[in-house]
Amino acid sequence: MDLAVVWFCVIALLWLGYLFLEGFDFGVGMLLPVLAADDTERRVLVNTIGPVWDGNEVWLIVAVGATFAAFPGWYAALLSAMYLPVLLVLLGLIGRGVAFEYRGKVDSERWRRTWDRVIVAGSLLPALGVGLLVSTTVFGLPLDAAGNRVGSPFAAISGAGVLGAVALVGFALVHGAVFVALKTDGDIRHRARALAGRFGPWALVPLGALLVLAQLASGSGWTWGAVGVALAAAVVAFARLGVGREGQAFAALGVLVAASVVALFGALYPDVLPSTVDPAYSLTVAGSASSPYTLTVMSWVALFGTPAVLIYQGWTYWVFRKRVSTAHIPPVRVP
């Protein structure tokens, strides 16, 4: 198989890993003031993602880095046109990381609530920005023949892009609520399960609309099949959640996001970034790829490096697999 096609699939897989893993910790961050009744319960929520949130962000770094190395034209056109949203994503991720570290440094309710607001904002902004970035990749930008954006900085923001931003936020809220139900016990668990069951189907409507819109624009028979799998996975997730099987519901949401990525990137191929000015200006897999030598070197590095990363991250999740409750939260000790 052509290495350029292989690396297009690898980048789609990296986005899948990022959306699945970072999706639930974005959701937990946004739900912090909704699911927690007091500071102890907020600490429970933070502790559910505390050991893994920074490792989840590695997938974003690798996805963007792989795009830069394998498809420099794709990287240059997309990130330069989306400079402002990408900047907001980075500021949100930085603020959230600082908030996780600083919220417990001072024994003050006002101090902790301030940093909790930063966690909420630092989860919402990146979810919006990443959703906008991925959907813009699928639906395209106003690119000229040289691959440069035409128009003002806001010309890159389209209705489909905004829909993608809202879709990722909705998915993250559902994914985060199910993850909290899976990782906690007691009142928080019941609250999270009830929230996901009651509002989850509505929160996934924008994602369904995004998938249908992408298929109507450039889908094929097999990508419509992926949309069907995504719909079936959503039904299974809520059905299993309704009988208290949070683990199975969480796995079904994993199938949902996998099928969604397949449907979106399948509809995108053979382009990597369509032009809304003229289809002839679209960036393609073949036309934007690096040299065969570069792709070969990247393939060997990935062949040896990927298993090590997967084993380490899997081990981390295994070590911290048990449920967390308020009984596990010690009194506040300020250094």
Protein backbone atom coordinates (compact mmCIF):
# COMPACT_ATOMS: atom_id res chain seq x y z
CA MET A 1 0.00 0.00 0.00
CA ASP A 2 1.11 3.55 -0.73
CA LEU A 3 2.82 4.97 2.38
CA ALA A 4 1.01 8.29 1.94
CA VAL A 5 -2.33 6.48 2.30
CA VAL A 6 -0.98 4.54 5.29
CA TRP A 7 -0.02 7.75 7.03
CA PHE A 8 -3.38 9.34 6.25
CA CYS A 9 -4.96 6.38 8.05
CA VAL A 10 -2.44 6.67 10.91
CA ILE A 11 -3.29 10.35 11.42
CA ALA A 12 -7.00 9.49 11.46
CA LEU A 13 -6.20 6.82 14.09
CA LEU A 14 -4.28 9.34 16.18
CA TRP A 15 -7.25 11.72 16.11
CA LEU A 16 -9.46 8.81 17.12
CA GLY A 17 -7.24 8.11 20.13
CA TYR A 18 -7.21 11.75 21.11
CA LEU A 19 -10.98 12.27 20.77
CA PHE A 20 -11.74 9.11 22.75
CA LEU A 21 -9.26 9.70 25.58
CA GLU A 22 -9.28 13.47 25.86
CA GLY A 23 -13.01 13.51 25.18
CA PHE A 24 -13.92 12.11 28.57
CA ASP A 25 -11.52 14.30 30.53
CA PHE A 26 -12.81 17.38 28.70
CA GLY A 27 -16.26 16.22 29.77
CA VAL A 28 -15.24 15.69 33.40
CA GLY A 29 -13.72 19.17 33.49
CA MET A 30 -16.84 20.81 32.05
CA LEU A 31 -19.10 18.88 34.43
CA LEU A 32 -17.13 19.84 37.54
CA PRO A 33 -19.70 22.37 38.84
CA VAL A 34 -22.65 20.24 37.67
CA LEU A 35 -21.94 16.84 39.23
CA ALA A 36 -20.14 17.92 42.42
CA ALA A 37 -22.08 19.26 45.42
CA ASP A 38 -19.05 20.38 47.44
CA ASP A 39 -15.27 20.61 47.34
CA THR A 40 -14.76 16.99 48.38
CA GLU A 41 -16.85 15.79 45.45
CA ARG A 42 -15.00 18.15 43.11
CA ARG A 43 -11.75 16.55 44.30
CA VAL A 44 -13.26 13.14 43.49
CA LEU A 45 -13.95 14.28 39.93
CA VAL A 46 -10.47 15.74 39.53
CA ASN A 47 -8.96 12.51 40.88
CA THR A 48 -10.76 10.42 38.25
CA ILE A 49 -8.69 12.06 35.51
CA GLY A 50 -5.71 13.23 37.59
CA PRO A 51 -3.40 10.30 36.68
CA VAL A 52 -4.23 10.29 32.95
CA TRP A 53 -5.16 13.73 31.61
CA ASP A 54 -1.60 14.74 30.68
CA GLY A 55 -0.95 11.41 28.97
CA ASN A 56 -4.12 11.85 26.92
CA GLU A 57 -2.78 15.11 25.52
CA VAL A 58 0.17 13.25 24.00
CA TRP A 59 -2.19 12.01 21.29
CA LEU A 60 -2.82 15.60 20.14
CA ILE A 61 0.91 16.35 20.02
CA VAL A 62 1.60 13.20 18.01
CA ALA A 63 -1.34 13.80 15.65
CA VAL A 64 -0.19 17.34 14.84
CA GLY A 65 3.47 16.29 14.68
CA ALA A 66 2.69 13.40 12.34
CA THR A 67 0.72 15.76 10.09
CA PHE A 68 3.69 18.14 9.99
CA ALA A 69 6.12 15.36 9.04
CA ALA A 70 3.93 13.30 6.69
CA PHE A 71 1.83 16.05 5.04
CA PRO A 72 3.59 19.42 5.46
CA GLY A 73 1.23 21.13 3.00
CA TRP A 74 -1.81 20.00 4.99
CA TYR A 75 -0.19 21.15 8.25
CA ALA A 76 0.80 24.56 6.86
CA ALA A 77 -2.53 25.36 5.22
CA LEU A 78 -4.75 24.20 8.09
CA LEU A 79 -2.87 25.56 11.10
CA SER A 80 -2.01 28.92 9.53
CA ALA A 81 -5.64 29.45 8.51
CA MET A 82 -6.89 28.34 11.95
CA TYR A 83 -4.30 30.27 13.94
CA LEU A 84 -6.71 31.95 16.37
CA PRO A 85 -8.71 28.79 17.28
CA VAL A 86 -5.47 26.83 17.72
CA LEU A 87 -4.13 29.57 20.01
CA LEU A 88 -7.28 29.35 22.15
CA VAL A 89 -6.88 25.55 22.34
CA LEU A 90 -3.31 25.91 23.57
CA LEU A 91 -4.21 28.59 26.12
CA GLY A 92 -7.06 26.44 27.40
CA LEU A 93 -4.86 23.36 27.75
CA ILE A 94 -2.16 25.36 29.55
CA GLY A 95 -4.67 26.95 31.92
CA ARG A 96 -6.29 23.61 32.71
CA GLY A 97 -2.94 21.98 33.47
CA VAL A 98 -1.95 24.83 35.78
CA ALA A 99 -5.35 24.67 37.51
CA PHE A 100 -5.00 20.95 38.26
CA GLU A 101 -1.68 21.63 39.98
CA TYR A 102 -2.60 24.86 41.78
CA ARG A 103 -6.16 24.32 43.05
CA GLY A 104 -4.95 22.51 46.17
CA LYS A 105 -2.03 24.80 47.02
CA VAL A 106 -4.01 27.18 49.24
CA ASP A 107 -6.64 26.19 51.83
CA SER A 108 -9.24 28.65 50.61
CA GLU A 109 -12.66 27.95 49.11
CA ARG A 110 -12.41 31.06 46.96
CA TRP A 111 -8.97 29.98 45.68
CA ARG A 112 -10.20 26.51 44.74
CA ARG A 113 -13.36 27.79 43.07
CA THR A 114 -11.31 30.20 40.97
CA TRP A 115 -9.14 27.38 39.68
CA ASP A 116 -12.20 25.19 39.19
CA ARG A 117 -13.55 27.84 36.81
CA VAL A 118 -10.24 27.70 34.95
CA ILE A 119 -10.63 23.91 34.65
CA VAL A 120 -14.12 24.35 33.22
CA ALA A 121 -12.98 27.00 30.72
CA GLY A 122 -9.80 25.05 29.97
CA SER A 123 -11.92 22.03 29.07
CA LEU A 124 -14.58 23.88 27.08
CA LEU A 125 -12.29 26.02 24.90
CA PRO A 126 -10.09 23.14 23.64
CA ALA A 127 -13.16 20.99 22.97
CA LEU A 128 -14.66 23.78 20.86
CA GLY A 129 -11.35 24.46 19.11
CA VAL A 130 -10.52 20.84 18.33
CA GLY A 131 -14.06 20.20 17.08
CA LEU A 132 -13.75 23.24 14.82
CA LEU A 133 -10.33 22.07 13.59
CA VAL A 134 -11.43 18.53 12.72
CA SER A 135 -14.68 19.55 11.05
CA THR A 136 -12.92 22.28 9.07
CA THR A 137 -10.46 19.66 7.84
CA VAL A 138 -13.37 17.60 6.52
CA PHE A 139 -15.47 20.41 5.02
CA GLY A 140 -12.60 22.57 3.79
CA LEU A 141 -11.24 26.09 3.74
CA PRO A 142 -11.25 28.92 1.18
CA LEU A 143 -7.87 28.00 -0.35
CA ASP A 144 -6.36 29.45 -3.52
CA ALA A 145 -4.14 27.61 -6.01
CA ALA A 146 -1.09 28.12 -3.76
CA GLY A 147 -2.82 26.57 -0.74
CA ASN A 148 -3.24 29.91 1.04
CA ARG A 149 -6.41 30.99 2.79
CA VAL A 150 -8.49 33.58 0.94
CA GLY A 151 -10.25 36.33 2.87
CA SER A 152 -10.17 37.48 6.48
CA PRO A 153 -9.08 35.33 9.44
CA PHE A 154 -12.76 34.62 10.12
CA ALA A 155 -13.32 33.30 6.59
CA ALA A 156 -12.02 29.96 7.86
CA ILE A 157 -14.96 29.63 10.28
CA SER A 158 -17.99 28.09 8.59
CA GLY A 159 -21.36 26.81 9.74
CA ALA A 160 -20.14 23.22 9.42
CA GLY A 161 -17.09 24.09 11.49
CA VAL A 162 -19.22 25.56 14.26
CA LEU A 163 -21.44 22.49 14.14
CA GLY A 164 -18.33 20.33 14.61
CA ALA A 165 -17.28 22.41 17.61
CA VAL A 166 -20.70 21.98 19.24
CA ALA A 167 -20.72 18.27 18.33
CA LEU A 168 -17.45 17.60 20.13
CA VAL A 169 -18.61 19.49 23.22
CA GLY A 170 -21.82 17.45 23.27
CA PHE A 171 -19.97 14.17 22.87
CA ALA A 172 -17.44 15.13 25.54
CA LEU A 173 -20.21 15.91 28.04
CA VAL A 174 -21.82 12.49 27.48
CA HIS A 175 -18.48 10.70 27.45
CA GLY A 176 -17.37 12.50 30.61
CA ALA A 177 -20.60 11.73 32.48
CA VAL A 178 -20.36 8.03 31.60
CA PHE A 179 -16.70 7.99 32.62
CA VAL A 180 -17.58 9.55 35.99
CA ALA A 181 -20.29 6.91 36.48
CA LEU A 182 -17.71 4.24 35.64
CA LYS A 183 -14.95 5.61 37.89
CA THR A 184 -16.84 6.77 41.00
CA ASP A 185 -19.16 5.35 43.62
CA GLY A 186 -21.97 6.72 45.75
CA ASP A 187 -24.05 9.80 44.97
CA ILE A 188 -21.72 11.12 42.27
CA ARG A 189 -22.03 7.88 40.32
CA HIS A 190 -25.82 7.98 40.42
CA ARG A 191 -25.89 11.66 39.49
CA ALA A 192 -23.57 11.12 36.52
CA ARG A 193 -25.53 8.13 35.25
CA ALA A 194 -28.83 10.00 35.53
CA LEU A 195 -27.41 13.05 33.74
CA ALA A 196 -25.98 10.98 30.88
CA GLY A 197 -29.21 9.02 30.48
CA ARG A 198 -31.48 12.07 30.57
CA PHE A 199 -29.55 14.55 28.44
CA GLY A 200 -27.08 12.34 26.57
CA PRO A 201 -29.25 11.59 23.50
CA TRP A 202 -29.89 15.31 22.99
CA ALA A 203 -26.21 16.15 23.43
CA LEU A 204 -25.29 13.75 20.61
CA VAL A 205 -27.72 15.28 18.09
CA PRO A 206 -25.10 17.77 16.74
CA LEU A 207 -22.66 14.89 16.16
CA GLY A 208 -25.32 12.98 14.23
CA ALA A 209 -26.07 16.08 12.16
CA LEU A 210 -22.36 16.57 11.44
CA LEU A 211 -21.96 12.96 10.23
CA VAL A 212 -25.00 13.19 7.95
CA LEU A 213 -23.84 16.56 6.54
CA ALA A 214 -20.39 15.13 5.77
CA GLN A 215 -21.91 12.14 3.96
CA LEU A 216 -24.25 14.33 1.93
CA ALA A 217 -21.27 16.46 0.91
CA SER A 218 -18.80 13.73 -0.10
CA GLY A 219 -19.75 10.38 1.41
CA SER A 220 -19.97 6.95 -0.20
CA GLY A 221 -21.77 3.71 0.53
CA TRP A 222 -19.26 2.39 3.05
CA THR A 223 -18.97 5.68 4.92
CA TRP A 224 -22.76 5.72 5.28
CA GLY A 225 -22.28 2.27 6.82
CA ALA A 226 -19.94 3.81 9.38
CA VAL A 227 -22.64 6.35 10.24
CA GLY A 228 -25.03 3.46 10.82
CA VAL A 229 -22.51 1.80 13.15
CA ALA A 230 -22.17 5.09 15.07
CA LEU A 231 -25.95 5.34 15.50
CA ALA A 232 -26.19 1.72 16.66
CA ALA A 233 -23.33 2.26 19.13
CA ALA A 234 -25.13 5.28 20.63
CA VAL A 235 -28.29 3.23 21.12
CA VAL A 236 -26.31 0.42 22.77
CA ALA A 237 -24.48 2.90 25.03
CA PHE A 238 -27.67 4.37 26.47
CA ALA A 239 -29.33 0.97 26.72
CA ARG A 240 -26.42 -0.46 28.74
CA LEU A 241 -26.19 2.68 30.84
CA GLY A 242 -29.86 2.31 31.72
CA VAL A 243 -29.21 -1.06 33.36
CA GLY A 244 -26.12 0.10 35.25
CA ARG A 245 -23.47 -1.31 32.89
CA GLU A 246 -21.26 1.76 32.75
CA GLY A 247 -18.24 -0.13 31.41
CA GLN A 248 -20.19 -1.48 28.45
CA ALA A 249 -21.70 1.95 27.83
CA PHE A 250 -18.23 3.49 27.87
CA ALA A 251 -16.99 0.87 25.38
CA ALA A 252 -19.99 1.55 23.13
CA LEU A 253 -19.11 5.26 23.13
CA GLY A 254 -15.64 4.20 22.01
CA VAL A 255 -17.23 2.42 19.04
CA LEU A 256 -19.29 5.56 18.41
CA VAL A 257 -16.26 7.85 18.19
CA ALA A 258 -14.33 5.27 16.11
CA ALA A 259 -17.17 4.98 13.59
CA SER A 260 -17.50 8.78 13.50
CA VAL A 261 -13.81 9.25 12.70
CA VAL A 262 -14.02 6.56 9.99
CA ALA A 263 -17.08 8.26 8.49
CA LEU A 264 -15.51 11.74 8.53
CA PHE A 265 -12.03 10.84 7.28
CA GLY A 266 -13.52 8.35 4.81
CA ALA A 267 -15.64 11.14 3.34
CA LEU A 268 -12.55 13.39 3.24
CA TYR A 269 -10.32 10.95 1.30
CA PRO A 270 -8.56 11.36 -1.17
CA ASP A 271 -8.34 15.00 -0.06
CA VAL A 272 -6.64 16.07 3.14
CA LEU A 273 -8.05 19.60 3.00
CA PRO A 274 -10.74 20.55 0.45
CA SER A 275 -10.86 24.01 -1.06
CA THR A 276 -14.23 25.73 -0.92
CA VAL A 277 -13.09 28.17 -3.64
CA ASP A 278 -12.43 25.57 -6.33
CA PRO A 279 -12.18 21.76 -5.95
CA ALA A 280 -9.12 21.87 -8.19
CA TYR A 281 -7.28 23.75 -5.42
CA SER A 282 -7.95 21.04 -2.81
CA LEU A 283 -4.95 19.48 -1.08
CA THR A 284 -4.82 15.73 -1.71
CA VAL A 285 -3.12 12.80 0.00
CA ALA A 286 -0.80 12.26 -2.95
CA GLY A 287 -0.07 15.93 -3.59
CA SER A 288 0.62 16.94 0.04
CA ALA A 289 2.67 13.95 1.21
CA SER A 290 6.36 14.08 2.11
CA SER A 291 8.94 12.13 0.13
CA PRO A 292 8.86 8.31 0.20
CA TYR A 293 12.13 8.34 2.16
CA THR A 294 10.65 10.55 4.90
CA LEU A 295 7.53 8.39 5.14
CA THR A 296 9.66 5.23 5.33
CA VAL A 297 11.76 6.62 8.20
CA MET A 298 8.59 7.71 10.01
CA SER A 299 7.12 4.24 9.56
CA TRP A 300 10.11 2.54 11.19
CA VAL A 301 10.08 4.99 14.10
CA ALA A 302 6.35 4.45 14.59
CA LEU A 303 6.76 0.66 14.37
CA PHE A 304 9.04 0.62 17.42
CA GLY A 305 7.75 3.66 19.33
CA THR A 306 4.00 3.08 19.20
CA PRO A 307 3.90 -0.23 21.14
CA ALA A 308 5.96 1.31 23.95
CA VAL A 309 3.57 4.26 24.27
CA LEU A 310 0.49 2.03 24.16
CA ILE A 311 1.90 -0.36 26.77
CA TYR A 312 2.83 2.47 29.12
CA GLN A 313 -0.52 4.24 28.79
CA GLY A 314 -2.43 0.98 29.14
CA TRP A 315 -0.46 0.19 32.29
CA THR A 316 -1.34 3.61 33.72
CA TYR A 317 -5.06 3.02 33.19
CA TRP A 318 -4.76 -0.47 34.72
CA VAL A 319 -3.02 0.81 37.85
CA PHE A 320 -5.67 3.49 38.41
CA ARG A 321 -8.64 1.35 37.37
CA LYS A 322 -10.52 1.32 40.69
CA ARG A 323 -13.45 3.52 41.55
CA VAL A 324 -12.99 6.71 43.58
CA SER A 325 -15.42 8.01 46.19
CA THR A 326 -15.53 10.68 48.88
CA ALA A 327 -14.29 8.04 51.35
CA HIS A 328 -10.94 8.01 49.53
CA ILE A 329 -10.40 11.79 49.77
CA PRO A 330 -8.10 12.79 52.66
CA PRO A 331 -8.41 16.12 54.49
CA VAL A 332 -6.88 19.13 52.78
CA ARG A 333 -3.20 19.54 53.64
CA VAL A 334 -1.64 22.69 52.26
CA PRO A 335 2.15 22.51 51.84
